[in-house]
Amino acid sequence: MGSNLLSLIDTHAHLCAPEFTHDLSAVLSRAQAAGVAAVIAVGETLADADRNIELSGQHPMIRPAAGLYPTVLEPDQAEDLHRFIRRNRPVLAAIGEVGLDFWMVKSEKDRELQQEIFNGFIALALEMDLPLNVHSRSAGRPAIDLLLKSGAIRVQLHAFDGRASTALPAVEAGYFFSIPPSVVRSRQKQKLVKQLPLTCLLVETDSPVLGPEPAVRNEPANLALAVQAIAEIKSLPIQAVAEALAANTARLYARLHGRAL
């Protein structure tokens, strides 16, 4: 993939992660050279949310998001983030990442609390008219069910680990599924790409994880690998896939402060 392709958007990356503390500028330069125009920087805590906004002021290609990781079962922290999101709504690209994680959270009581916290963020997203950037590890069906029941409209399900059949109600609702570079080594992700329509796909890196090699730090420059994999799986020209992904991303994220995503 070269500069002749449309600009790509990394719709889910953890740029505030400690793995990027010492060389973020170089990481972003490599991303730009690989055709990445913008990165939506998601967060897992209030500190991440603050840091993402700080980073977006230093690096114009970063679009900040704010969220609470689903394993943080602390309603007080969720309320703190609600206040933060209300206060910083004009500069935020999304609420995320938020959602459900039944791989880590096992007890029914804790899962109920997790769903209550997630439901609060869904309601806030509707009120603030912000996209939801959703984590649903081992909880694809309940996450989608809750989103649909709660009337969520602007939704990205990141690195979805369920079956395509589980995803279909979300596709019908107009939700999007973002594909990371790990698709090159994940049969599950490959099946998802094959069976879901291109019109509901986005790309992400989930940097610093979910790269093409499991033990190597992932970074936004690897986004091109996800685009190439989608093109190969769907037997479509890379340029056509890049155009479709750009259109999908624009539908979900539109513009932020006059800056085209």
Protein backbone atom coordinates (compact mmCIF):
# COMPACT_ATOMS: atom_id res chain seq x y z
CA MET A 1 0.00 0.00 0.00
CA GLY A 2 1.32 3.39 -0.91
CA SER A 3 0.51 7.05 -0.90
CA ASN A 4 -1.92 6.65 -3.82
CA LEU A 5 -4.47 5.13 -1.47
CA LEU A 6 -7.04 7.11 0.45
CA SER A 7 -6.03 8.18 3.91
CA LEU A 8 -6.78 5.52 6.51
CA ILE A 9 -8.18 6.00 10.00
CA ASP A 10 -7.04 3.85 12.92
CA THR A 11 -10.32 3.73 14.83
CA HIS A 12 -8.99 2.18 18.06
CA ALA A 13 -5.49 2.50 19.51
CA HIS A 14 -4.02 2.99 22.99
CA LEU A 15 -1.52 5.76 22.34
CA CYS A 16 -1.41 6.69 26.02
CA ALA A 17 -0.04 3.23 26.82
CA PRO A 18 3.42 3.13 28.46
CA GLU A 19 4.74 1.23 25.42
CA PHE A 20 4.60 4.53 23.49
CA THR A 21 6.00 6.88 26.13
CA HIS A 22 9.44 7.23 24.60
CA ASP A 23 8.84 7.26 20.84
CA LEU A 24 5.27 8.36 20.08
CA SER A 25 6.38 11.01 17.59
CA ALA A 26 8.32 8.41 15.60
CA VAL A 27 5.38 6.00 15.80
CA LEU A 28 3.04 8.64 14.38
CA SER A 29 5.52 9.58 11.65
CA ARG A 30 5.66 5.94 10.56
CA ALA A 31 1.87 5.82 10.58
CA GLN A 32 1.62 8.89 8.35
CA ALA A 33 4.18 7.40 5.97
CA ALA A 34 1.98 4.27 5.80
CA GLY A 35 -1.10 6.28 4.83
CA VAL A 36 -2.72 6.76 8.26
CA ALA A 37 -4.33 10.20 8.49
CA ALA A 38 -5.77 10.02 12.00
CA VAL A 39 -5.86 7.79 15.06
CA ILE A 40 -8.73 7.58 17.52
CA ALA A 41 -6.97 7.23 20.87
CA VAL A 42 -9.16 5.28 23.28
CA GLY A 43 -8.74 5.19 27.04
CA GLU A 44 -9.36 2.78 29.90
CA THR A 45 -9.29 5.21 32.86
CA LEU A 46 -9.79 8.86 33.73
CA ALA A 47 -6.02 9.33 33.63
CA ASP A 48 -6.00 7.92 30.08
CA ALA A 49 -8.75 10.33 29.06
CA ASP A 50 -6.75 13.30 30.35
CA ARG A 51 -3.62 12.04 28.64
CA ASN A 52 -5.41 11.49 25.32
CA ILE A 53 -6.60 15.10 25.25
CA GLU A 54 -3.09 16.26 26.12
CA LEU A 55 -1.62 14.14 23.32
CA SER A 56 -4.18 15.42 20.82
CA GLY A 57 -2.96 18.94 21.54
CA GLN A 58 0.60 17.87 20.74
CA HIS A 59 -0.17 15.72 17.70
CA PRO A 60 -2.89 16.92 15.30
CA MET A 61 -3.53 13.43 13.91
CA ILE A 62 -4.74 12.13 17.30
CA ARG A 63 -8.48 12.22 18.03
CA PRO A 64 -9.07 11.65 21.77
CA ALA A 65 -11.66 9.35 23.31
CA ALA A 66 -12.57 8.65 26.94
CA GLY A 67 -13.80 5.42 28.48
CA LEU A 68 -13.64 2.96 31.35
CA TYR A 69 -12.31 -0.52 30.73
CA PRO A 70 -15.04 -3.11 31.40
CA THR A 71 -13.10 -4.90 34.12
CA VAL A 72 -13.11 -1.73 36.24
CA LEU A 73 -16.25 -2.42 38.27
CA GLU A 74 -16.29 0.91 40.12
CA PRO A 75 -19.45 3.00 39.69
CA ASP A 76 -17.69 6.02 41.22
CA GLN A 77 -15.04 5.87 38.49
CA ALA A 78 -17.77 5.59 35.88
CA GLU A 79 -19.44 8.70 37.29
CA ASP A 80 -16.12 10.57 37.21
CA LEU A 81 -15.78 9.69 33.55
CA HIS A 82 -19.35 10.75 32.83
CA ARG A 83 -18.51 14.18 34.23
CA PHE A 84 -15.27 14.30 32.25
CA ILE A 85 -17.07 13.39 29.01
CA ARG A 86 -19.76 16.02 29.55
CA ARG A 87 -17.12 18.63 30.26
CA ASN A 88 -14.93 17.72 27.27
CA ARG A 89 -17.64 16.78 24.76
CA PRO A 90 -16.48 19.32 22.13
CA VAL A 91 -13.06 17.69 21.70
CA LEU A 92 -13.95 14.01 22.07
CA ALA A 93 -14.24 11.71 19.07
CA ALA A 94 -15.93 8.88 20.98
CA ILE A 95 -16.78 7.26 24.28
CA GLY A 96 -14.46 4.31 24.59
CA GLU A 97 -13.42 1.93 25.24
CA VAL A 98 -16.40 0.71 27.23
CA GLY A 99 -18.41 -2.49 27.17
CA LEU A 100 -18.47 -6.02 28.55
CA ASP A 101 -15.76 -8.57 29.27
CA PHE A 102 -17.00 -12.00 30.31
CA TRP A 103 -13.56 -13.53 29.77
CA MET A 104 -12.17 -11.73 32.81
CA VAL A 105 -15.38 -11.14 34.78
CA LYS A 106 -16.93 -14.46 35.78
CA SER A 107 -19.43 -14.00 38.61
CA GLU A 108 -23.04 -13.20 37.78
CA LYS A 109 -23.10 -10.37 40.31
CA ASP A 110 -20.05 -8.72 38.79
CA ARG A 111 -21.43 -9.19 35.28
CA GLU A 112 -24.65 -7.47 36.29
CA LEU A 113 -22.65 -4.52 37.63
CA GLN A 114 -20.58 -4.47 34.46
CA GLN A 115 -23.76 -4.29 32.40
CA GLU A 116 -25.14 -1.46 34.57
CA ILE A 117 -21.97 0.56 34.03
CA PHE A 118 -22.03 -0.13 30.29
CA ASN A 119 -25.69 0.85 30.09
CA GLY A 120 -24.80 4.17 31.71
CA PHE A 121 -22.24 4.87 29.00
CA ILE A 122 -24.73 3.90 26.28
CA ALA A 123 -27.22 6.41 27.68
CA LEU A 124 -24.50 9.07 27.87
CA ALA A 125 -23.46 8.41 24.26
CA LEU A 126 -27.05 8.94 23.13
CA GLU A 127 -27.34 12.13 25.17
CA MET A 128 -24.01 13.52 23.94
CA ASP A 129 -24.40 12.22 20.37
CA LEU A 130 -21.02 10.49 20.50
CA PRO A 131 -20.03 7.15 18.97
CA LEU A 132 -19.46 4.20 21.31
CA ASN A 133 -16.17 2.35 20.88
CA VAL A 134 -17.08 -1.04 22.38
CA HIS A 135 -15.12 -3.90 23.95
CA SER A 136 -17.02 -7.21 24.01
CA ARG A 137 -14.52 -9.99 24.74
CA SER A 138 -16.32 -13.32 25.23
CA ALA A 139 -19.50 -11.25 25.50
CA GLY A 140 -20.46 -10.51 21.93
CA ARG A 141 -24.07 -11.60 22.15
CA PRO A 142 -24.90 -9.91 25.50
CA ALA A 143 -23.10 -6.73 24.43
CA ILE A 144 -25.07 -6.51 21.20
CA ASP A 145 -28.30 -7.38 23.00
CA LEU A 146 -27.74 -4.59 25.52
CA LEU A 147 -26.83 -2.07 22.81
CA LEU A 148 -29.96 -2.90 20.84
CA LYS A 149 -32.21 -2.91 23.89
CA SER A 150 -30.81 0.45 24.98
CA GLY A 151 -31.35 2.03 21.58
CA ALA A 152 -27.67 2.69 20.83
CA ILE A 153 -27.21 4.27 17.40
CA ARG A 154 -23.55 5.09 16.69
CA VAL A 155 -21.58 1.95 17.58
CA GLN A 156 -18.20 0.40 16.78
CA LEU A 157 -17.56 -3.12 18.06
CA HIS A 158 -13.79 -3.35 18.25
CA ALA A 159 -11.87 -6.60 17.68
CA PHE A 160 -15.10 -8.59 17.90
CA ASP A 161 -14.29 -12.17 18.91
CA GLY A 162 -17.67 -13.79 18.25
CA ARG A 163 -19.22 -15.55 15.30
CA ALA A 164 -20.52 -13.71 12.27
CA SER A 165 -24.00 -15.06 13.03
CA THR A 166 -23.82 -13.35 16.43
CA ALA A 167 -22.82 -10.11 14.73
CA LEU A 168 -25.69 -10.01 12.22
CA PRO A 169 -28.26 -8.24 14.44
CA ALA A 170 -25.68 -5.49 14.98
CA VAL A 171 -25.03 -5.26 11.24
CA GLU A 172 -28.77 -4.88 10.66
CA ALA A 173 -28.82 -2.08 13.25
CA GLY A 174 -26.11 -0.19 11.35
CA TYR A 175 -23.27 -0.91 13.78
CA PHE A 176 -19.67 -1.26 12.63
CA PHE A 177 -16.98 -3.88 13.29
CA SER A 178 -13.32 -2.87 13.31
CA ILE A 179 -10.67 -5.31 12.12
CA PRO A 180 -7.12 -5.28 13.59
CA PRO A 181 -3.86 -6.43 11.92
CA SER A 182 -4.10 -9.70 13.86
CA VAL A 183 -6.57 -10.75 11.16
CA VAL A 184 -3.52 -12.07 9.30
CA ARG A 185 -3.15 -14.78 11.94
CA SER A 186 -6.68 -15.16 13.32
CA ARG A 187 -9.06 -17.62 11.66
CA GLN A 188 -11.93 -16.14 13.65
CA LYS A 189 -11.23 -12.63 12.34
CA GLN A 190 -10.83 -13.96 8.80
CA LYS A 191 -14.22 -15.69 8.97
CA LEU A 192 -15.79 -12.51 10.34
CA VAL A 193 -14.41 -10.44 7.45
CA LYS A 194 -15.51 -13.03 4.90
CA GLN A 195 -19.08 -13.22 6.16
CA LEU A 196 -19.82 -9.61 7.12
CA PRO A 197 -20.57 -6.98 4.45
CA LEU A 198 -17.82 -4.51 3.62
CA THR A 199 -20.28 -1.70 4.40
CA CYS A 200 -20.05 -2.45 8.14
CA LEU A 201 -16.27 -2.80 8.44
CA LEU A 202 -13.68 -0.41 9.87
CA VAL A 203 -9.99 -0.92 10.61
CA GLU A 204 -8.10 -0.48 13.87
CA THR A 205 -4.81 -1.57 15.37
CA ASP A 206 -5.59 -1.80 19.11
CA SER A 207 -1.94 -0.77 19.46
CA PRO A 208 0.17 -1.84 21.26
CA VAL A 209 -1.54 -5.27 20.98
CA LEU A 210 -3.28 -7.31 18.23
CA GLY A 211 -0.47 -6.86 15.72
CA PRO A 212 0.58 -9.26 12.98
CA GLU A 213 3.02 -10.91 15.38
CA PRO A 214 1.70 -11.61 18.89
CA ALA A 215 4.92 -10.92 20.79
CA VAL A 216 5.81 -7.68 18.97
CA ARG A 217 4.50 -4.21 19.83
CA ASN A 218 1.78 -3.21 17.41
CA GLU A 219 1.52 0.36 16.10
CA PRO A 220 -0.78 2.35 13.81
CA ALA A 221 1.48 1.93 10.75
CA ASN A 222 0.32 -1.71 10.66
CA LEU A 223 -3.20 -0.57 9.76
CA ALA A 224 -2.34 -1.18 6.11
CA LEU A 225 -2.00 -4.90 6.85
CA ALA A 226 -5.63 -5.05 7.99
CA VAL A 227 -6.80 -3.28 4.83
CA GLN A 228 -4.77 -5.62 2.65
CA ALA A 229 -6.14 -8.68 4.45
CA ILE A 230 -9.74 -7.50 4.00
CA ALA A 231 -9.09 -6.97 0.29
CA GLU A 232 -7.59 -10.44 -0.09
CA ILE A 233 -10.35 -12.18 1.87
CA LYS A 234 -13.07 -10.43 -0.10
CA SER A 235 -11.23 -10.67 -3.45
CA LEU A 236 -11.50 -6.94 -4.00
CA PRO A 237 -8.96 -4.32 -5.11
CA ILE A 238 -7.20 -2.66 -2.19
CA GLN A 239 -8.19 0.80 -3.45
CA ALA A 240 -11.88 -0.16 -3.47
CA VAL A 241 -11.60 -1.49 0.08
CA ALA A 242 -9.77 1.64 1.25
CA GLU A 243 -12.51 3.81 -0.27
CA ALA A 244 -15.24 1.77 1.42
CA LEU A 245 -13.49 1.89 4.80
CA ALA A 246 -13.06 5.66 4.49
CA ALA A 247 -16.77 6.06 3.74
CA ASN A 248 -17.73 3.81 6.66
CA THR A 249 -15.51 5.72 9.06
CA ALA A 250 -16.92 9.03 7.89
CA ARG A 251 -20.46 7.76 8.48
CA LEU A 252 -19.71 6.82 12.06
CA TYR A 253 -17.29 9.55 13.10
CA ALA A 254 -17.99 12.42 10.67
CA ARG A 255 -15.93 15.46 11.68
CA LEU A 256 -14.39 16.68 14.89
CA HIS A 257 -13.91 20.43 15.37
CA GLY A 258 -13.91 20.96 11.63
CA ARG A 259 -11.05 18.51 11.15
CA ALA A 260 -12.00 15.74 8.76
CA LEU A 261 -11.31 12.32 10.18
